[in-house]
Amino acid sequence: MVKGEERSRYWQKNTCSLLVNRSMFPNSILGRPPFTPNHQQHNNFFALSPALYSHQQLIDAQFNFQNVDLSRAVSLQPLTYGNVSPIQTSTSPLFRGRKRLSDEKNLPLDGKRQRFHSPHQEPIVVNHIVPLSSERRYPVPPLFHTTNYIPDIVRCVPAVREISILEPREITLPEAKDKLSQQILELFEACQQQVSDLKKKELCRTQLQREIQLLFPQSRLFLVGSSLNGFGTRTSDGDLCLVVKEEPCFFQVNQKTEARHILTLVHKHFCTRLSGYIERPQLIRAKVPIVKFRDKVSCVDFDLNVNNIVGIRNTFLLRTYAYLENRVRPLVLVIKKWASHHEINDASRGTLSSYSLVLMVLHYLQTLPEPILPSIQKIYPESFSPTIQLHLVHQVPSDVPPYLSKNDSTLGDLLLGFLKYYATEFDWNSQMISVREAKAIPRPDGIEWRNKYICVEEPFDGTNTARAVHEKQKFDMIKDQFLKSWHRLKNKKDLNSILPLRAAVLKR
């Protein structure tokens, strides 16, 4: 029992520190737990390589988070989750890795006492209640409950509040001077992601961060990708990046070992504790492993990765470009829709990722005789430095003023020019697309670039974002679509000739 009391005292000392968080990132209402240096010495367990974990350490760590002693039970009112009946506390033990104490073996589950008894009388705020007898059992508070009611058990966590990053910069759409430009604008207005869509994703991210911090106290969860970079649609999936530990230096995660191990724990947590709110959680053991799942409240599909720091940085780089000039977002959206319709926008099938397509559009707009976009990394090198701390990157888009270009091309002209540029002008064999340099540059001689069909430079780490295109057949198909669509659109001047608008709008 001595060991049990020590565990309980330690848990009491750290639980409120774990849950009370300060907002350090506008895409986050929680932020980093404010641990003192002494506490940090005790909370670096998950910063170790899985190879350094002993089996007993893993058991102890999970036990600490799933079998918490409450010195005073917290009463909760029955709550419902949407139209679902109140969710009851599970009657099965959450953790089976330790033997029960001998005097508990013959008791029914509801009557079993808590494993560790705390000598202190102060209430401990946690996110899990030990199952009580039937007359004292209360439902677990819904993870994504959206009413104003906040149970005492999560009272020390800040409530969801409006945050400025969800409100995009006011920008006037360009004037449509021809039929093709009008079609592009109408498609954009029908399909662009709404602020309400983004807020749903942000609410899910906020609640998931609270849950994941039970496993990794110093972690933070970031919303990244098209949902936040300004190029999302009504049906865009949500991309999440779990940063396990940011300071004193970024925790370098081996994606084949540590990342898989971390995501295995997250996946298990989703399948057990959050099974009422998350459906179809699936661990994908790819080169960069992810957990795929669907939020039952917002009906949004999510992909969650670990420590893909560059994904956070390039989200805000693209967001800056998105609101730098009013023709950028409509043009990117129609090109993504066009590529998806012609099945050349799926990296998992050997074609172009949406990220690569966006970089290709930005590059084209930078290389016009009268550029529509500059290289903002060259103009603002300090703002887009790869070393800037993550809780500061969100400030950059609002600090960069709009770019005033002398190029007055219409959206229709730019779409035609984009197709023509990659169909007839760009040298795929010897050139690399570089948004960082705002021009096409010679291919590097490294192994990553050798014998690659398409080379698109990642603006921060210099890798090839189009490496998924590794089959000549797929590369030829991509080039062929550029050429055919350019000829067809040039002759018809009707967007329906390359992209059926009714079907595109229905897909959102």
Protein backbone atom coordinates (compact mmCIF):
# COMPACT_ATOMS: atom_id res chain seq x y z
CA MET A 1 0.00 0.00 0.00
CA VAL A 2 2.95 2.35 0.49
CA LYS A 3 3.67 2.28 -3.22
CA GLY A 4 -0.01 2.91 -3.92
CA GLU A 5 -0.12 5.93 -1.64
CA GLU A 6 2.97 7.40 -3.30
CA ARG A 7 1.34 6.99 -6.71
CA SER A 8 -1.85 8.65 -5.48
CA ARG A 9 -0.02 11.63 -3.94
CA TYR A 10 1.97 12.10 -7.13
CA TRP A 11 -1.20 11.94 -9.22
CA GLN A 12 -2.90 14.59 -7.05
CA LYS A 13 0.11 16.84 -7.39
CA ASN A 14 0.08 16.77 -11.19
CA THR A 15 -3.50 16.19 -12.39
CA CYS A 16 -4.71 19.81 -12.23
CA SER A 17 -1.46 20.95 -13.82
CA LEU A 18 -2.16 18.53 -16.64
CA LEU A 19 -5.69 19.82 -17.27
CA VAL A 20 -5.31 23.57 -16.65
CA ASN A 21 -3.74 24.90 -19.83
CA ARG A 22 -3.03 28.30 -21.25
CA SER A 23 -3.84 29.34 -24.77
CA MET A 24 -0.52 29.66 -26.56
CA PHE A 25 -1.74 29.04 -30.07
CA PRO A 26 -4.94 30.56 -31.51
CA ASN A 27 -5.75 27.23 -33.13
CA SER A 28 -5.75 25.86 -29.62
CA ILE A 29 -7.62 26.75 -26.46
CA LEU A 30 -5.46 24.55 -24.30
CA GLY A 31 -1.77 24.83 -25.11
CA ARG A 32 1.14 23.40 -23.18
CA PRO A 33 0.55 22.27 -19.59
CA PRO A 34 2.33 24.71 -17.25
CA PHE A 35 4.64 22.21 -15.57
CA THR A 36 7.43 23.50 -13.38
CA PRO A 37 10.98 22.18 -14.00
CA ASN A 38 10.55 19.76 -11.09
CA HIS A 39 7.35 18.41 -12.58
CA GLN A 40 8.97 18.08 -15.98
CA GLN A 41 11.52 15.76 -14.50
CA HIS A 42 8.67 13.39 -13.69
CA ASN A 43 6.78 13.81 -16.94
CA ASN A 44 9.38 12.94 -19.56
CA PHE A 45 8.44 9.28 -19.58
CA PHE A 46 6.88 9.32 -23.05
CA ALA A 47 9.77 11.29 -24.52
CA LEU A 48 11.79 8.09 -24.43
CA SER A 49 12.14 5.72 -27.31
CA PRO A 50 9.78 2.74 -27.04
CA ALA A 51 12.87 0.57 -27.08
CA LEU A 52 13.69 2.06 -23.66
CA TYR A 53 10.31 1.22 -22.14
CA SER A 54 10.15 -1.85 -19.97
CA HIS A 55 6.94 -3.85 -19.98
CA GLN A 56 6.31 -2.88 -16.36
CA GLN A 57 6.85 0.83 -17.13
CA LEU A 58 4.21 0.71 -19.84
CA ILE A 59 1.82 -1.01 -17.45
CA ASP A 60 2.48 1.59 -14.74
CA ALA A 61 2.03 4.51 -17.14
CA GLN A 62 -1.31 3.26 -18.44
CA PHE A 63 -2.38 2.37 -14.92
CA ASN A 64 -1.69 5.91 -13.71
CA PHE A 65 -4.06 7.39 -16.29
CA GLN A 66 -6.83 4.80 -16.26
CA ASN A 67 -7.16 3.88 -12.59
CA VAL A 68 -7.22 7.19 -10.76
CA ASP A 69 -8.26 7.47 -7.14
CA LEU A 70 -11.00 9.98 -6.36
CA SER A 71 -10.99 11.07 -2.74
CA ARG A 72 -14.49 12.42 -3.28
CA ALA A 73 -16.88 11.27 -6.00
CA VAL A 74 -18.05 14.01 -8.37
CA SER A 75 -21.77 13.94 -9.09
CA LEU A 76 -22.77 14.39 -12.72
CA GLN A 77 -26.22 14.77 -14.20
CA PRO A 78 -27.25 12.35 -16.95
CA LEU A 79 -26.27 13.79 -20.31
CA THR A 80 -27.13 12.75 -23.82
CA TYR A 81 -25.00 12.70 -26.91
CA GLY A 82 -27.07 14.15 -29.76
CA ASN A 83 -30.08 11.86 -30.15
CA VAL A 84 -28.36 8.96 -28.44
CA SER A 85 -29.46 7.76 -25.02
CA PRO A 86 -27.33 8.66 -22.00
CA ILE A 87 -23.97 6.95 -22.10
CA GLN A 88 -23.34 4.66 -19.17
CA THR A 89 -20.07 4.00 -17.47
CA SER A 90 -18.57 0.76 -18.68
CA THR A 91 -18.89 -2.17 -16.35
CA SER A 92 -15.75 -3.83 -17.61
CA PRO A 93 -12.34 -2.99 -16.15
CA LEU A 94 -10.45 -0.57 -18.36
CA PHE A 95 -7.13 -2.16 -17.65
CA ARG A 96 -6.29 -5.83 -17.23
CA GLY A 97 -2.51 -5.67 -17.00
CA ARG A 98 -2.27 -6.04 -13.20
CA LYS A 99 -3.65 -8.64 -10.82
CA ARG A 100 -6.42 -7.49 -8.51
CA LEU A 101 -5.72 -7.38 -4.80
CA SER A 102 -6.65 -10.60 -3.05
CA ASP A 103 -9.47 -9.09 -1.00
CA GLU A 104 -11.14 -7.79 -4.19
CA LYS A 105 -11.25 -11.01 -6.15
CA ASN A 106 -14.58 -12.23 -4.87
CA LEU A 107 -16.43 -8.93 -4.96
CA PRO A 108 -18.76 -7.90 -7.80
CA LEU A 109 -17.26 -5.22 -10.01
CA ASP A 110 -19.56 -2.44 -8.81
CA GLY A 111 -18.65 -3.13 -5.21
CA LYS A 112 -14.89 -3.27 -5.60
CA ARG A 113 -13.09 -0.53 -3.80
CA GLN A 114 -10.69 1.81 -5.52
CA ARG A 115 -7.24 0.38 -5.88
CA PHE A 116 -5.39 3.25 -4.22
CA HIS A 117 -6.80 5.12 -1.26
CA SER A 118 -5.61 8.71 -0.93
CA PRO A 119 -4.79 9.97 2.57
CA HIS A 120 -5.64 13.52 1.43
CA GLN A 121 -9.13 14.92 1.50
CA GLU A 122 -8.90 17.49 -1.30
CA PRO A 123 -10.98 16.56 -4.38
CA ILE A 124 -8.99 15.61 -7.45
CA VAL A 125 -10.19 16.78 -10.84
CA VAL A 126 -9.76 14.08 -13.45
CA ASN A 127 -11.46 12.92 -16.60
CA HIS A 128 -12.37 9.43 -15.48
CA ILE A 129 -14.63 8.16 -12.74
CA VAL A 130 -14.10 4.84 -11.03
CA PRO A 131 -17.29 2.74 -11.51
CA LEU A 132 -19.56 2.99 -8.48
CA SER A 133 -22.53 0.97 -7.32
CA SER A 134 -25.62 1.14 -9.51
CA GLU A 135 -27.38 3.75 -7.35
CA ARG A 136 -24.33 6.03 -7.44
CA ARG A 137 -23.23 5.46 -11.03
CA TYR A 138 -23.35 8.48 -13.32
CA PRO A 139 -22.81 8.74 -17.06
CA VAL A 140 -19.38 9.75 -18.33
CA PRO A 141 -19.57 13.37 -19.60
CA PRO A 142 -19.86 13.39 -23.41
CA LEU A 143 -16.59 14.33 -25.03
CA PHE A 144 -18.18 16.57 -27.63
CA HIS A 145 -21.24 17.82 -25.73
CA THR A 146 -22.03 21.23 -27.21
CA THR A 147 -24.46 22.75 -24.69
CA ASN A 148 -23.47 25.36 -22.13
CA TYR A 149 -23.47 22.77 -19.35
CA ILE A 150 -19.96 21.97 -18.15
CA PRO A 151 -19.72 19.20 -15.53
CA ASP A 152 -17.49 19.77 -12.51
CA ILE A 153 -15.17 17.05 -13.67
CA VAL A 154 -13.87 19.22 -16.52
CA ARG A 155 -14.46 22.58 -14.84
CA CYS A 156 -10.76 23.45 -14.76
CA VAL A 157 -10.47 23.14 -18.57
CA PRO A 158 -11.30 26.40 -20.42
CA ALA A 159 -14.57 26.34 -22.33
CA VAL A 160 -14.53 26.50 -26.12
CA ARG A 161 -14.32 30.14 -27.15
CA GLU A 162 -14.24 32.02 -30.40
CA ILE A 163 -10.70 32.39 -31.69
CA SER A 164 -9.50 34.78 -34.36
CA ILE A 165 -7.81 32.16 -36.53
CA LEU A 166 -11.25 30.77 -37.41
CA GLU A 167 -12.30 34.11 -38.86
CA PRO A 168 -10.47 34.51 -42.19
CA ARG A 169 -9.21 37.84 -43.39
CA GLU A 170 -11.90 39.81 -45.21
CA ILE A 171 -11.10 39.68 -48.90
CA THR A 172 -13.17 40.84 -51.87
CA LEU A 173 -13.53 38.29 -54.64
CA PRO A 174 -12.33 39.32 -58.11
CA GLU A 175 -14.78 40.62 -60.69
CA ALA A 176 -15.97 38.12 -63.32
CA LYS A 177 -15.60 39.70 -66.75
CA ASP A 178 -16.35 36.60 -68.83
CA LYS A 179 -18.35 33.38 -68.69
CA LEU A 180 -15.43 31.16 -67.71
CA SER A 181 -14.41 33.43 -64.83
CA GLN A 182 -18.02 33.56 -63.65
CA GLN A 183 -18.21 29.77 -63.62
CA ILE A 184 -15.03 29.57 -61.55
CA LEU A 185 -16.37 32.08 -59.03
CA GLU A 186 -19.73 30.31 -58.73
CA LEU A 187 -18.01 26.98 -58.15
CA PHE A 188 -15.77 28.54 -55.52
CA GLU A 189 -18.65 30.17 -53.65
CA ALA A 190 -20.64 26.93 -53.67
CA CYS A 191 -17.82 24.66 -52.52
CA GLN A 192 -15.48 26.69 -50.32
CA GLN A 193 -15.19 25.65 -46.69
CA GLN A 194 -17.41 27.73 -44.42
CA VAL A 195 -16.36 29.16 -41.06
CA SER A 196 -18.97 26.89 -39.47
CA ASP A 197 -17.24 23.85 -41.02
CA LEU A 198 -13.92 24.94 -39.55
CA LYS A 199 -15.40 25.53 -36.12
CA LYS A 200 -16.75 21.98 -36.03
CA LYS A 201 -13.26 20.65 -36.73
CA GLU A 202 -11.75 22.97 -34.15
CA LEU A 203 -14.22 21.78 -31.51
CA CYS A 204 -13.28 18.17 -32.21
CA ARG A 205 -9.57 19.03 -32.07
CA THR A 206 -10.02 20.81 -28.75
CA GLN A 207 -11.76 17.89 -27.10
CA LEU A 208 -9.37 15.31 -28.53
CA GLN A 209 -6.41 17.29 -27.25
CA ARG A 210 -7.88 17.13 -23.76
CA GLU A 211 -8.16 13.37 -24.05
CA ILE A 212 -4.73 12.76 -25.56
CA GLN A 213 -3.10 14.86 -22.85
CA LEU A 214 -4.17 12.14 -20.42
CA LEU A 215 -1.67 9.91 -22.23
CA PHE A 216 0.97 12.51 -23.09
CA PRO A 217 0.73 15.45 -20.67
CA GLN A 218 3.08 17.76 -22.58
CA SER A 219 1.50 17.14 -25.98
CA ARG A 220 -0.52 19.50 -28.16
CA LEU A 221 -2.81 18.75 -31.06
CA PHE A 222 -2.76 21.03 -34.13
CA LEU A 223 -5.27 21.31 -36.94
CA VAL A 224 -3.30 21.45 -40.19
CA GLY A 225 -3.70 21.07 -43.94
CA SER A 226 -6.52 22.27 -46.17
CA SER A 227 -8.92 22.81 -43.26
CA LEU A 228 -6.80 25.69 -42.03
CA ASN A 229 -4.65 26.82 -44.95
CA GLY A 230 -7.48 28.56 -46.80
CA PHE A 231 -7.87 26.03 -49.61
CA GLY A 232 -10.41 23.70 -48.01
CA THR A 233 -13.84 22.72 -49.34
CA ARG A 234 -17.07 21.75 -47.59
CA THR A 235 -16.01 18.09 -47.69
CA SER A 236 -12.31 18.47 -46.84
CA ASP A 237 -11.05 15.93 -44.32
CA GLY A 238 -9.48 17.17 -41.12
CA ASP A 239 -5.73 16.69 -40.68
CA LEU A 240 -4.34 16.66 -37.15
CA CYS A 241 -0.74 16.73 -36.00
CA LEU A 242 0.09 15.50 -32.51
CA VAL A 243 3.22 17.19 -31.17
CA VAL A 244 4.35 14.96 -28.34
CA LYS A 245 6.90 17.37 -26.95
CA GLU A 246 8.06 20.73 -28.26
CA GLU A 247 10.55 22.04 -25.73
CA PRO A 248 13.39 22.27 -24.82
CA CYS A 249 13.85 21.03 -28.38
CA PHE A 250 11.58 19.31 -30.85
CA PHE A 251 11.18 15.65 -30.02
CA GLN A 252 12.53 13.85 -33.08
CA VAL A 253 10.21 10.94 -33.76
CA ASN A 254 11.21 7.90 -35.75
CA GLN A 255 8.11 7.30 -37.85
CA LYS A 256 8.74 3.55 -38.14
CA THR A 257 9.09 2.93 -34.41
CA GLU A 258 8.21 5.75 -32.00
CA ALA A 259 5.39 7.23 -34.08
CA ARG A 260 3.75 3.82 -34.53
CA HIS A 261 4.07 3.11 -30.84
CA ILE A 262 2.53 6.46 -29.87
CA LEU A 263 -0.31 6.06 -32.36
CA THR A 264 -0.94 2.53 -31.10
CA LEU A 265 -1.65 3.97 -27.64
CA VAL A 266 -3.84 6.72 -29.14
CA HIS A 267 -5.72 4.18 -31.27
CA LYS A 268 -6.35 1.99 -28.24
CA HIS A 269 -7.62 5.03 -26.31
CA PHE A 270 -10.00 5.86 -29.17
CA CYS A 271 -11.29 2.29 -29.35
CA THR A 272 -12.02 2.03 -25.65
CA ARG A 273 -12.69 5.31 -23.88
CA LEU A 274 -13.97 7.22 -26.93
CA SER A 275 -15.83 4.50 -28.79
CA GLY A 276 -19.11 6.34 -28.29
CA TYR A 277 -17.90 9.44 -30.08
CA ILE A 278 -15.42 8.18 -32.65
CA GLU A 279 -16.16 5.55 -35.24
CA ARG A 280 -13.92 3.46 -37.47
CA PRO A 281 -10.57 4.31 -35.81
CA GLN A 282 -7.91 2.65 -37.91
CA LEU A 283 -4.13 2.60 -37.49
CA ILE A 284 -2.44 2.90 -40.90
CA ARG A 285 1.16 1.64 -40.73
CA ALA A 286 2.48 3.62 -43.70
CA LYS A 287 5.84 5.36 -44.14
CA VAL A 288 4.30 8.17 -42.11
CA PRO A 289 1.81 6.27 -39.92
CA ILE A 290 -1.58 7.82 -39.13
CA VAL A 291 -4.74 7.05 -37.24
CA LYS A 292 -7.83 7.51 -39.40
CA PHE A 293 -11.20 8.01 -37.73
CA ARG A 294 -14.57 9.70 -38.07
CA ASP A 295 -16.13 12.12 -35.61
CA LYS A 296 -19.77 11.14 -35.12
CA VAL A 297 -20.85 14.68 -34.20
CA SER A 298 -19.42 16.68 -37.10
CA CYS A 299 -19.36 13.68 -39.50
CA VAL A 300 -15.83 14.70 -40.49
CA ASP A 301 -13.10 12.20 -41.33
CA PHE A 302 -9.74 12.88 -39.68
CA ASP A 303 -6.14 11.77 -40.20
CA LEU A 304 -3.86 12.09 -37.17
CA ASN A 305 -0.05 11.95 -37.43
CA VAL A 306 2.75 12.43 -34.91
CA ASN A 307 5.28 15.28 -34.89
CA ASN A 308 5.00 16.24 -38.55
CA ILE A 309 6.26 19.70 -37.61
CA VAL A 310 6.76 20.82 -41.20
CA GLY A 311 3.03 20.24 -41.78
CA ILE A 312 2.22 22.89 -39.17
CA ARG A 313 4.64 25.39 -40.69
CA ASN A 314 3.50 24.93 -44.29
CA THR A 315 -0.15 25.23 -43.23
CA PHE A 316 0.44 28.84 -42.25
CA LEU A 317 2.71 29.53 -45.21
CA LEU A 318 -0.10 28.45 -47.55
CA ARG A 319 -2.66 30.36 -45.50
CA THR A 320 -0.60 33.50 -46.06
CA TYR A 321 -0.53 32.90 -49.82
CA ALA A 322 -4.26 32.12 -49.84
CA TYR A 323 -5.20 35.59 -48.59
CA LEU A 324 -2.36 37.50 -50.27
CA GLU A 325 -4.27 38.00 -53.55
CA ASN A 326 -7.98 37.55 -54.21
CA ARG A 327 -7.59 35.29 -57.26
CA VAL A 328 -5.53 32.63 -55.52
CA ARG A 329 -8.23 30.71 -53.60
CA PRO A 330 -10.81 30.44 -56.42
CA LEU A 331 -8.11 29.29 -58.85
CA VAL A 332 -6.74 26.66 -56.46
CA LEU A 333 -10.19 25.28 -55.70
CA VAL A 334 -11.19 24.84 -59.34
CA ILE A 335 -7.86 23.16 -60.14
CA LYS A 336 -8.23 20.75 -57.22
CA LYS A 337 -11.75 19.91 -58.40
CA TRP A 338 -10.51 19.43 -61.97
CA ALA A 339 -7.65 17.16 -60.87
CA SER A 340 -9.93 15.10 -58.65
CA HIS A 341 -12.47 14.66 -61.48
CA HIS A 342 -9.73 13.35 -63.79
CA GLU A 343 -8.29 11.08 -61.06
CA ILE A 344 -4.88 12.71 -60.86
CA ASN A 345 -5.29 14.02 -57.29
CA ASP A 346 -4.59 11.01 -55.08
CA ALA A 347 -1.09 10.39 -53.76
CA SER A 348 -2.14 6.99 -52.39
CA ARG A 349 -2.71 5.90 -56.01
CA GLY A 350 0.50 7.30 -57.42
CA THR A 351 -0.75 10.72 -58.57
CA LEU A 352 -0.51 14.25 -57.17
CA SER A 353 -1.40 15.16 -53.59
CA SER A 354 -3.51 18.26 -52.98
CA TYR A 355 -0.50 19.88 -51.33
CA SER A 356 1.61 19.38 -54.47
CA LEU A 357 -1.19 20.79 -56.64
CA VAL A 358 -1.43 23.92 -54.48
CA LEU A 359 2.34 24.44 -54.74
CA MET A 360 2.10 24.01 -58.52
CA VAL A 361 -0.56 26.74 -58.72
CA LEU A 362 1.44 29.10 -56.50
CA HIS A 363 4.56 28.46 -58.57
CA TYR A 364 2.69 29.25 -61.80
CA LEU A 365 1.39 32.54 -60.36
CA GLN A 366 4.94 33.44 -59.28
CA THR A 367 6.47 32.81 -62.72
CA LEU A 368 4.15 34.90 -64.90
CA PRO A 369 5.80 37.75 -66.85
CA GLU A 370 3.98 40.03 -64.41
CA PRO A 371 3.83 37.89 -61.24
CA ILE A 372 0.63 37.70 -59.23
CA LEU A 373 2.50 36.31 -56.20
CA PRO A 374 6.03 36.89 -54.84
CA SER A 375 8.13 34.57 -52.71
CA ILE A 376 7.04 35.62 -49.24
CA GLN A 377 9.80 33.49 -47.73
CA LYS A 378 12.31 35.79 -49.42
CA ILE A 379 10.49 38.99 -48.42
CA TYR A 380 9.86 37.89 -44.81
CA PRO A 381 12.66 35.43 -43.99
CA GLU A 382 12.35 35.85 -40.22
CA SER A 383 8.58 35.27 -40.21
CA PHE A 384 8.94 31.99 -42.10
CA SER A 385 12.13 30.71 -40.50
CA PRO A 386 12.06 26.94 -39.90
CA THR A 387 13.25 27.64 -36.35
CA ILE A 388 10.37 29.87 -35.26
CA GLN A 389 8.49 28.38 -32.30
CA LEU A 390 5.23 26.64 -33.10
CA HIS A 391 3.10 28.78 -30.83
CA LEU A 392 4.13 31.84 -32.90
CA VAL A 393 3.55 30.58 -36.45
CA HIS A 394 -0.14 31.46 -36.41
CA GLN A 395 0.68 35.18 -36.19
CA VAL A 396 2.39 35.32 -39.59
CA PRO A 397 -0.61 35.39 -41.98
CA SER A 398 -2.10 38.46 -40.31
CA ASP A 399 1.26 40.27 -40.34
CA VAL A 400 1.77 40.02 -44.12
CA PRO A 401 -0.12 42.71 -46.08
CA PRO A 402 -1.94 41.93 -49.36
CA TYR A 403 0.20 41.84 -52.49
CA LEU A 404 -0.68 44.40 -55.18
CA SER A 405 0.04 42.92 -58.59
CA LYS A 406 -0.07 44.83 -61.87
CA ASN A 407 -1.28 41.66 -63.58
CA ASP A 408 -5.02 42.05 -64.30
CA SER A 409 -5.64 38.61 -65.87
CA THR A 410 -9.07 37.13 -65.24
CA LEU A 411 -9.63 33.84 -63.47
CA GLY A 412 -10.47 32.25 -66.83
CA ASP A 413 -7.19 33.49 -68.32
CA LEU A 414 -5.24 32.15 -65.34
CA LEU A 415 -6.86 28.72 -65.52
CA LEU A 416 -6.02 28.43 -69.22
CA GLY A 417 -2.50 29.66 -68.57
CA PHE A 418 -1.98 27.15 -65.76
CA LEU A 419 -2.96 24.21 -67.98
CA LYS A 420 -0.82 25.49 -70.86
CA TYR A 421 2.22 26.08 -68.63
CA TYR A 422 2.39 22.49 -67.38
CA ALA A 423 1.27 21.01 -70.72
CA THR A 424 3.79 22.77 -72.98
CA GLU A 425 6.23 25.05 -71.13
CA PHE A 426 7.52 23.44 -67.94
CA ASP A 427 10.48 21.07 -68.41
CA TRP A 428 9.58 18.04 -66.29
CA ASN A 429 12.89 16.29 -67.04
CA SER A 430 15.31 18.88 -65.72
CA GLN A 431 13.36 21.41 -63.63
CA MET A 432 12.00 21.48 -60.11
CA ILE A 433 9.02 23.54 -58.95
CA SER A 434 10.12 25.88 -56.16
CA VAL A 435 7.71 28.22 -54.39
CA ARG A 436 10.52 29.18 -52.02
CA GLU A 437 12.58 30.58 -54.91
CA ALA A 438 9.51 31.71 -56.93
CA LYS A 439 10.90 30.08 -60.06
CA ALA A 440 11.74 26.77 -61.71
CA ILE A 441 15.20 25.66 -60.62
CA PRO A 442 17.46 22.82 -61.78
CA ARG A 443 16.81 19.48 -60.16
CA PRO A 444 19.15 18.59 -57.29
CA ASP A 445 21.41 15.61 -57.81
CA GLY A 446 20.42 13.79 -54.63
CA ILE A 447 18.93 10.32 -54.54
CA GLU A 448 15.51 11.67 -53.59
CA TRP A 449 15.32 13.58 -56.87
CA ARG A 450 17.04 11.14 -59.17
CA ASN A 451 14.77 9.29 -61.60
CA LYS A 452 11.66 11.07 -60.25
CA TYR A 453 9.01 12.06 -62.77
CA ILE A 454 7.75 15.16 -60.92
CA CYS A 455 9.78 17.29 -58.54
CA VAL A 456 7.99 19.78 -56.27
CA GLU A 457 10.11 21.27 -53.51
CA GLU A 458 8.69 21.40 -50.00
CA PRO A 459 9.28 25.05 -48.98
CA PHE A 460 10.65 24.28 -45.50
CA ASP A 461 12.52 20.98 -45.50
CA GLY A 462 13.37 20.76 -49.21
CA THR A 463 11.92 17.28 -49.77
CA ASN A 464 9.96 16.22 -52.86
CA THR A 465 6.22 16.51 -52.17
CA ALA A 466 5.41 14.70 -55.47
CA ARG A 467 7.46 11.58 -54.75
CA ALA A 468 4.26 9.51 -54.87
CA VAL A 469 4.33 9.82 -58.67
CA HIS A 470 6.80 6.98 -59.20
CA GLU A 471 5.25 5.19 -62.17
CA LYS A 472 5.73 6.39 -65.73
CA GLN A 473 2.18 5.37 -66.61
CA LYS A 474 0.74 7.70 -63.93
CA PHE A 475 3.09 10.50 -64.94
CA ASP A 476 2.03 10.20 -68.58
CA MET A 477 -1.61 10.24 -67.51
CA ILE A 478 -1.06 13.47 -65.57
CA LYS A 479 0.69 15.19 -68.49
CA ASP A 480 -1.98 13.96 -70.89
CA GLN A 481 -4.77 15.49 -68.79
CA PHE A 482 -3.02 18.86 -68.74
CA LEU A 483 -2.66 18.83 -72.52
CA LYS A 484 -6.19 17.58 -73.32
CA SER A 485 -7.87 19.94 -70.87
CA TRP A 486 -5.92 22.92 -72.19
CA HIS A 487 -6.98 22.24 -75.78
CA ARG A 488 -10.59 21.58 -74.81
CA LEU A 489 -10.92 24.68 -72.60
CA LYS A 490 -9.17 26.91 -75.11
CA ASN A 491 -11.69 25.93 -77.79
CA LYS A 492 -14.90 25.89 -75.72
CA LYS A 493 -14.22 28.56 -73.06
CA ASP A 494 -16.68 26.64 -70.91
CA LEU A 495 -15.65 25.07 -67.61
CA ASN A 496 -18.11 22.22 -68.17
CA SER A 497 -15.91 21.01 -71.02
CA ILE A 498 -13.24 19.88 -68.52
CA LEU A 499 -15.21 19.72 -65.25
CA PRO A 500 -18.95 18.94 -65.01
CA LEU A 501 -20.09 21.72 -62.69
CA ARG A 502 -23.28 20.08 -61.43
CA ALA A 503 -21.39 17.00 -60.24
CA ALA A 504 -18.60 19.12 -58.76
CA VAL A 505 -21.05 21.21 -56.72
CA LEU A 506 -22.89 18.14 -55.47
CA LYS A 507 -19.59 16.75 -54.17
CA ARG A 508 -18.88 20.12 -52.56
